[in-house]
Amino acid sequence: MGWEREGAGKLAGLRTYMLVCRSATLFVRLGILLIAEAVARFPSGALRADPAPTIKALAVGISFIGAGIIFRDRSRTGMQGLTTAAGLLAAAAIGIAIAINRHIVACGITLIFLLVLRMLAHLERQLKLK
């Protein structure tokens, strides 16, 4: 996804997408490791842990970054950066899928997002020409 965005000259490119995806993977994997260590220290059933708050925090954090990317372009009477912000959120979701060993899901989602980015951009250009 980052490669496609880089080639299109967008706000966030390959490095940004890679950092977001790998950071999300790292946060989730570290959360899983911390939970496993905490559970191992306490007797069975004494501790209940849930990795969902880590995933929620990632979504909020990436959304915050995305909000900083979005701006109003007064000359075009529209918004800029919406696709980039959504793409970064998608990259984080892909990283989460990788972290929980759902590699096929991560690959499938990546392909779907690439198709959406490419095909819809092409369709938008065609519609603007008419």
N, C-alpha and C. Protein backbone atom coordinates (compact mmCIF):
# COMPACT_ATOMS: atom_id res chain seq x y z
N MET A 1 0.83 -1.19 0.00
CA MET A 1 0.00 0.00 0.00
C MET A 1 0.88 1.26 0.00
N GLY A 2 1.91 1.23 0.81
CA GLY A 2 2.80 2.39 0.87
C GLY A 2 3.52 2.63 -0.44
N TRP A 3 3.87 1.54 -1.12
CA TRP A 3 4.54 1.66 -2.42
C TRP A 3 3.61 2.33 -3.43
N GLU A 4 2.34 1.93 -3.42
CA GLU A 4 1.35 2.52 -4.32
C GLU A 4 1.17 4.00 -4.01
N ARG A 5 1.09 4.35 -2.75
CA ARG A 5 0.92 5.74 -2.33
C ARG A 5 2.16 6.57 -2.67
N GLU A 6 3.34 5.96 -2.47
CA GLU A 6 4.59 6.65 -2.80
C GLU A 6 4.64 6.98 -4.28
N GLY A 7 4.28 6.01 -5.11
CA GLY A 7 4.27 6.22 -6.55
C GLY A 7 3.27 7.27 -7.00
N ALA A 8 2.20 7.43 -6.23
CA ALA A 8 1.19 8.43 -6.56
C ALA A 8 1.52 9.80 -5.98
N GLY A 9 2.65 9.91 -5.27
CA GLY A 9 3.07 11.19 -4.71
C GLY A 9 2.19 11.68 -3.58
N LYS A 10 1.68 10.78 -2.78
CA LYS A 10 0.76 11.15 -1.69
C LYS A 10 1.52 11.52 -0.43
N LEU A 11 0.78 12.02 0.57
CA LEU A 11 1.37 12.53 1.81
C LEU A 11 2.19 11.50 2.56
N ALA A 12 1.72 10.29 2.63
CA ALA A 12 2.44 9.21 3.33
C ALA A 12 2.82 8.15 2.30
N GLY A 13 4.07 7.73 2.38
CA GLY A 13 4.54 6.76 1.40
C GLY A 13 4.97 5.45 2.03
N LEU A 14 5.89 4.80 1.38
CA LEU A 14 6.31 3.46 1.76
C LEU A 14 6.82 3.40 3.20
N ARG A 15 7.70 4.31 3.58
CA ARG A 15 8.26 4.27 4.94
C ARG A 15 7.18 4.46 5.99
N THR A 16 6.28 5.40 5.76
CA THR A 16 5.23 5.67 6.74
C THR A 16 4.32 4.46 6.91
N TYR A 17 3.89 3.88 5.81
CA TYR A 17 3.01 2.71 5.89
C TYR A 17 3.72 1.53 6.56
N MET A 18 4.99 1.34 6.24
CA MET A 18 5.74 0.25 6.87
C MET A 18 5.86 0.47 8.37
N LEU A 19 6.16 1.70 8.77
CA LEU A 19 6.29 2.00 10.20
C LEU A 19 4.98 1.80 10.94
N VAL A 20 3.88 2.23 10.35
CA VAL A 20 2.57 2.06 11.00
C VAL A 20 2.24 0.58 11.13
N CYS A 21 2.41 -0.17 10.06
CA CYS A 21 2.08 -1.60 10.08
C CYS A 21 2.95 -2.36 11.08
N ARG A 22 4.25 -2.14 11.02
CA ARG A 22 5.16 -2.86 11.92
C ARG A 22 4.99 -2.42 13.37
N SER A 23 4.69 -1.15 13.59
CA SER A 23 4.45 -0.67 14.96
C SER A 23 3.21 -1.32 15.55
N ALA A 24 2.16 -1.42 14.76
CA ALA A 24 0.94 -2.08 15.23
C ALA A 24 1.22 -3.54 15.56
N THR A 25 1.98 -4.21 14.71
CA THR A 25 2.36 -5.60 14.98
C THR A 25 3.13 -5.70 16.28
N LEU A 26 4.09 -4.82 16.47
CA LEU A 26 4.91 -4.83 17.67
C LEU A 26 4.07 -4.58 18.93
N PHE A 27 3.20 -3.59 18.91
CA PHE A 27 2.37 -3.29 20.08
C PHE A 27 1.50 -4.48 20.47
N VAL A 28 0.88 -5.10 19.49
CA VAL A 28 0.00 -6.24 19.79
C VAL A 28 0.82 -7.42 20.30
N ARG A 29 1.93 -7.72 19.65
CA ARG A 29 2.76 -8.85 20.10
C ARG A 29 3.32 -8.61 21.50
N LEU A 30 3.74 -7.38 21.78
CA LEU A 30 4.22 -7.08 23.13
C LEU A 30 3.09 -7.23 24.15
N GLY A 31 1.89 -6.79 23.79
CA GLY A 31 0.74 -6.96 24.67
C GLY A 31 0.46 -8.42 24.96
N ILE A 32 0.53 -9.24 23.93
CA ILE A 32 0.31 -10.69 24.10
C ILE A 32 1.38 -11.28 25.01
N LEU A 33 2.64 -10.88 24.82
CA LEU A 33 3.72 -11.38 25.67
C LEU A 33 3.54 -10.94 27.12
N LEU A 34 3.16 -9.69 27.33
CA LEU A 34 2.94 -9.20 28.69
C LEU A 34 1.81 -9.96 29.38
N ILE A 35 0.75 -10.21 28.63
CA ILE A 35 -0.37 -10.98 29.19
C ILE A 35 0.08 -12.39 29.55
N ALA A 36 0.84 -13.02 28.66
CA ALA A 36 1.31 -14.39 28.92
C ALA A 36 2.20 -14.43 30.16
N GLU A 37 3.08 -13.44 30.31
CA GLU A 37 3.95 -13.40 31.49
C GLU A 37 3.14 -13.19 32.77
N ALA A 38 2.17 -12.29 32.72
CA ALA A 38 1.35 -12.01 33.91
C ALA A 38 0.53 -13.24 34.30
N VAL A 39 -0.04 -13.91 33.33
CA VAL A 39 -0.84 -15.11 33.60
C VAL A 39 0.04 -16.21 34.19
N ALA A 40 1.28 -16.33 33.73
CA ALA A 40 2.19 -17.36 34.22
C ALA A 40 2.58 -17.12 35.68
N ARG A 41 2.54 -15.88 36.13
CA ARG A 41 2.96 -15.56 37.50
C ARG A 41 1.87 -15.81 38.54
N PHE A 42 0.65 -15.87 38.10
CA PHE A 42 -0.46 -16.02 39.05
C PHE A 42 -1.07 -17.40 38.91
N PRO A 43 -1.69 -17.90 40.00
CA PRO A 43 -2.36 -19.21 39.90
C PRO A 43 -3.47 -19.17 38.86
N SER A 44 -3.80 -20.33 38.36
CA SER A 44 -4.82 -20.46 37.31
C SER A 44 -6.12 -19.80 37.73
N GLY A 45 -6.63 -18.97 36.88
CA GLY A 45 -7.92 -18.32 37.12
C GLY A 45 -7.84 -17.06 37.96
N ALA A 46 -6.68 -16.74 38.53
CA ALA A 46 -6.57 -15.55 39.38
C ALA A 46 -6.48 -14.27 38.57
N LEU A 47 -6.09 -14.38 37.32
CA LEU A 47 -5.91 -13.20 36.49
C LEU A 47 -6.61 -13.41 35.16
N ARG A 48 -7.40 -12.44 34.79
CA ARG A 48 -8.02 -12.47 33.46
C ARG A 48 -7.44 -11.31 32.67
N ALA A 49 -7.06 -11.57 31.46
CA ALA A 49 -6.45 -10.54 30.63
C ALA A 49 -7.12 -10.52 29.27
N ASP A 50 -7.14 -9.32 28.70
CA ASP A 50 -7.79 -9.13 27.42
C ASP A 50 -6.90 -8.26 26.53
N PRO A 51 -6.50 -8.73 25.35
CA PRO A 51 -5.67 -7.91 24.47
C PRO A 51 -6.45 -6.84 23.71
N ALA A 52 -7.77 -6.85 23.80
CA ALA A 52 -8.58 -5.89 23.04
C ALA A 52 -8.25 -4.43 23.36
N PRO A 53 -7.98 -4.05 24.61
CA PRO A 53 -7.64 -2.64 24.86
C PRO A 53 -6.41 -2.16 24.09
N THR A 54 -5.45 -3.04 23.86
CA THR A 54 -4.28 -2.67 23.07
C THR A 54 -4.69 -2.33 21.64
N ILE A 55 -5.57 -3.14 21.08
CA ILE A 55 -6.04 -2.90 19.71
C ILE A 55 -6.86 -1.62 19.65
N LYS A 56 -7.69 -1.39 20.65
CA LYS A 56 -8.47 -0.15 20.70
C LYS A 56 -7.54 1.07 20.78
N ALA A 57 -6.51 0.98 21.61
CA ALA A 57 -5.57 2.09 21.76
C ALA A 57 -4.84 2.36 20.44
N LEU A 58 -4.50 1.31 19.71
CA LEU A 58 -3.87 1.49 18.40
C LEU A 58 -4.79 2.23 17.44
N ALA A 59 -6.06 1.83 17.42
CA ALA A 59 -7.02 2.49 16.53
C ALA A 59 -7.15 3.97 16.87
N VAL A 60 -7.20 4.29 18.15
CA VAL A 60 -7.30 5.69 18.57
C VAL A 60 -6.03 6.45 18.19
N GLY A 61 -4.87 5.85 18.46
CA GLY A 61 -3.60 6.52 18.15
C GLY A 61 -3.42 6.78 16.67
N ILE A 62 -3.71 5.79 15.85
CA ILE A 62 -3.58 5.97 14.41
C ILE A 62 -4.61 6.96 13.90
N SER A 63 -5.80 6.95 14.47
CA SER A 63 -6.82 7.92 14.07
C SER A 63 -6.38 9.33 14.41
N PHE A 64 -5.68 9.49 15.53
CA PHE A 64 -5.15 10.80 15.92
C PHE A 64 -4.13 11.27 14.89
N ILE A 65 -3.24 10.38 14.48
CA ILE A 65 -2.27 10.72 13.43
C ILE A 65 -3.00 11.07 12.14
N GLY A 66 -4.01 10.27 11.80
CA GLY A 66 -4.79 10.53 10.59
C GLY A 66 -5.47 11.89 10.63
N ALA A 67 -5.96 12.28 11.80
CA ALA A 67 -6.61 13.59 11.92
C ALA A 67 -5.62 14.71 11.64
N GLY A 68 -4.36 14.50 11.99
CA GLY A 68 -3.34 15.50 11.71
C GLY A 68 -2.99 15.59 10.23
N ILE A 69 -3.27 14.55 9.49
CA ILE A 69 -2.96 14.53 8.06
C ILE A 69 -4.05 15.21 7.24
N ILE A 70 -5.28 15.14 7.73
CA ILE A 70 -6.42 15.68 6.98
C ILE A 70 -6.45 17.20 7.11
N PHE A 71 -6.61 17.87 5.99
CA PHE A 71 -6.75 19.32 6.03
C PHE A 71 -7.69 19.77 4.92
N ARG A 72 -8.22 20.95 5.10
CA ARG A 72 -9.15 21.51 4.12
C ARG A 72 -8.35 22.27 3.08
N ASP A 73 -8.60 21.97 1.84
CA ASP A 73 -7.94 22.66 0.73
C ASP A 73 -8.92 23.70 0.19
N ARG A 74 -8.70 24.94 0.56
CA ARG A 74 -9.64 26.01 0.17
C ARG A 74 -9.66 26.24 -1.34
N SER A 75 -8.55 25.99 -2.01
CA SER A 75 -8.51 26.23 -3.45
C SER A 75 -9.31 25.19 -4.23
N ARG A 76 -9.48 24.00 -3.67
CA ARG A 76 -10.21 22.94 -4.36
C ARG A 76 -11.58 22.69 -3.76
N THR A 77 -11.95 23.46 -2.77
CA THR A 77 -13.22 23.29 -2.05
C THR A 77 -13.44 21.84 -1.62
N GLY A 78 -12.45 21.30 -0.98
CA GLY A 78 -12.57 19.92 -0.51
C GLY A 78 -11.55 19.62 0.57
N MET A 79 -11.47 18.35 0.91
CA MET A 79 -10.56 17.89 1.94
C MET A 79 -9.40 17.14 1.29
N GLN A 80 -8.24 17.24 1.90
CA GLN A 80 -7.06 16.51 1.44
C GLN A 80 -6.61 15.58 2.55
N GLY A 81 -6.10 14.43 2.19
CA GLY A 81 -5.52 13.52 3.16
C GLY A 81 -6.46 12.47 3.71
N LEU A 82 -7.71 12.46 3.29
CA LEU A 82 -8.66 11.48 3.81
C LEU A 82 -8.25 10.05 3.45
N THR A 83 -7.86 9.84 2.21
CA THR A 83 -7.46 8.50 1.78
C THR A 83 -6.18 8.07 2.49
N THR A 84 -5.26 9.00 2.68
CA THR A 84 -4.03 8.69 3.39
C THR A 84 -4.32 8.29 4.83
N ALA A 85 -5.18 9.05 5.50
CA ALA A 85 -5.55 8.73 6.88
C ALA A 85 -6.21 7.36 6.97
N ALA A 86 -7.12 7.08 6.04
CA ALA A 86 -7.79 5.78 6.03
C ALA A 86 -6.79 4.67 5.72
N GLY A 87 -5.86 4.94 4.83
CA GLY A 87 -4.84 3.95 4.48
C GLY A 87 -3.93 3.62 5.66
N LEU A 88 -3.58 4.62 6.45
CA LEU A 88 -2.75 4.37 7.63
C LEU A 88 -3.51 3.53 8.65
N LEU A 89 -4.79 3.79 8.81
CA LEU A 89 -5.60 2.98 9.71
C LEU A 89 -5.67 1.54 9.20
N ALA A 90 -5.80 1.39 7.88
CA ALA A 90 -5.81 0.05 7.28
C ALA A 90 -4.47 -0.64 7.47
N ALA A 91 -3.37 0.10 7.34
CA ALA A 91 -2.04 -0.49 7.56
C ALA A 91 -1.89 -0.99 8.99
N ALA A 92 -2.44 -0.24 9.94
CA ALA A 92 -2.41 -0.69 11.34
C ALA A 92 -3.22 -1.97 11.51
N ALA A 93 -4.38 -2.03 10.86
CA ALA A 93 -5.21 -3.24 10.94
C ALA A 93 -4.49 -4.44 10.35
N ILE A 94 -3.78 -4.23 9.27
CA ILE A 94 -2.99 -5.31 8.66
C ILE A 94 -1.90 -5.75 9.63
N GLY A 95 -1.26 -4.80 10.28
CA GLY A 95 -0.25 -5.14 11.28
C GLY A 95 -0.82 -5.94 12.43
N ILE A 96 -2.03 -5.60 12.85
CA ILE A 96 -2.70 -6.35 13.92
C ILE A 96 -2.98 -7.78 13.46
N ALA A 97 -3.45 -7.92 12.23
CA ALA A 97 -3.72 -9.27 11.69
C ALA A 97 -2.44 -10.10 11.66
N ILE A 98 -1.33 -9.48 11.30
CA ILE A 98 -0.04 -10.18 11.30
C ILE A 98 0.34 -10.59 12.72
N ALA A 99 0.13 -9.68 13.67
CA ALA A 99 0.50 -9.95 15.06
C ALA A 99 -0.23 -11.14 15.65
N ILE A 100 -1.47 -11.35 15.22
CA ILE A 100 -2.24 -12.48 15.76
C ILE A 100 -2.20 -13.69 14.81
N ASN A 101 -1.17 -13.69 13.96
CA ASN A 101 -0.90 -14.82 13.06
C ASN A 101 -2.02 -15.10 12.07
N ARG A 102 -2.65 -14.07 11.58
CA ARG A 102 -3.66 -14.19 10.53
C ARG A 102 -3.06 -13.65 9.23
N HIS A 103 -2.02 -14.35 8.76
CA HIS A 103 -1.26 -13.87 7.61
C HIS A 103 -2.08 -13.89 6.32
N ILE A 104 -2.90 -14.89 6.14
CA ILE A 104 -3.73 -14.96 4.93
C ILE A 104 -4.73 -13.81 4.92
N VAL A 105 -5.32 -13.52 6.07
CA VAL A 105 -6.24 -12.38 6.18
C VAL A 105 -5.49 -11.09 5.86
N ALA A 106 -4.29 -10.93 6.41
CA ALA A 106 -3.50 -9.72 6.16
C ALA A 106 -3.19 -9.57 4.67
N CYS A 107 -2.80 -10.65 4.02
CA CYS A 107 -2.51 -10.60 2.57
C CYS A 107 -3.77 -10.28 1.77
N GLY A 108 -4.87 -10.92 2.12
CA GLY A 108 -6.13 -10.68 1.42
C GLY A 108 -6.59 -9.24 1.56
N ILE A 109 -6.51 -8.72 2.78
CA ILE A 109 -6.93 -7.33 3.01
C ILE A 109 -6.01 -6.38 2.25
N THR A 110 -4.72 -6.67 2.25
CA THR A 110 -3.78 -5.82 1.51
C THR A 110 -4.13 -5.78 0.03
N LEU A 111 -4.41 -6.93 -0.55
CA LEU A 111 -4.78 -6.98 -1.97
C LEU A 111 -6.07 -6.22 -2.24
N ILE A 112 -7.05 -6.38 -1.36
CA ILE A 112 -8.32 -5.66 -1.53
C ILE A 112 -8.08 -4.15 -1.47
N PHE A 113 -7.29 -3.70 -0.49
CA PHE A 113 -7.03 -2.27 -0.36
C PHE A 113 -6.27 -1.74 -1.57
N LEU A 114 -5.31 -2.51 -2.08
CA LEU A 114 -4.58 -2.07 -3.27
C LEU A 114 -5.51 -1.95 -4.46
N LEU A 115 -6.40 -2.92 -4.62
CA LEU A 115 -7.37 -2.84 -5.72
C LEU A 115 -8.27 -1.61 -5.57
N VAL A 116 -8.72 -1.36 -4.35
CA VAL A 116 -9.57 -0.19 -4.11
C VAL A 116 -8.81 1.08 -4.44
N LEU A 117 -7.57 1.19 -3.97
CA LEU A 117 -6.79 2.40 -4.23
C LEU A 117 -6.55 2.61 -5.72
N ARG A 118 -6.18 1.56 -6.42
CA ARG A 118 -5.86 1.67 -7.84
C ARG A 118 -7.11 1.83 -8.72
N MET A 119 -8.07 0.93 -8.52
CA MET A 119 -9.25 0.91 -9.39
C MET A 119 -10.11 2.15 -9.20
N LEU A 120 -10.32 2.54 -7.96
CA LEU A 120 -11.17 3.71 -7.73
C LEU A 120 -10.48 5.00 -8.15
N ALA A 121 -9.16 5.07 -8.02
CA ALA A 121 -8.43 6.24 -8.51
C ALA A 121 -8.59 6.34 -10.02
N HIS A 122 -8.49 5.21 -10.69
CA HIS A 122 -8.68 5.18 -12.15
C HIS A 122 -10.10 5.60 -12.51
N LEU A 123 -11.08 5.07 -11.80
CA LEU A 123 -12.48 5.42 -12.04
C LEU A 123 -12.73 6.90 -11.79
N GLU A 124 -12.16 7.45 -10.73
CA GLU A 124 -12.32 8.88 -10.44
C GLU A 124 -11.75 9.73 -11.57
N ARG A 125 -10.59 9.36 -12.08
CA ARG A 125 -10.00 10.11 -13.20
C ARG A 125 -10.90 10.04 -14.43
N GLN A 126 -11.46 8.87 -14.70
CA GLN A 126 -12.35 8.72 -15.85
C GLN A 126 -13.59 9.59 -15.71
N LEU A 127 -14.15 9.63 -14.51
CA LEU A 127 -15.36 10.42 -14.28
C LEU A 127 -15.08 11.92 -14.37
N LYS A 128 -13.90 12.36 -13.97
CA LYS A 128 -13.54 13.77 -14.05
C LYS A 128 -13.34 14.21 -15.49
N LEU A 129 -12.94 13.29 -16.35
CA LEU A 129 -12.73 13.62 -17.76
C LEU A 129 -14.04 13.84 -18.49
N LYS A 130 -15.12 13.25 -17.99
CA LYS A 130 -16.40 13.34 -18.69
C LYS A 130 -17.17 14.58 -18.32
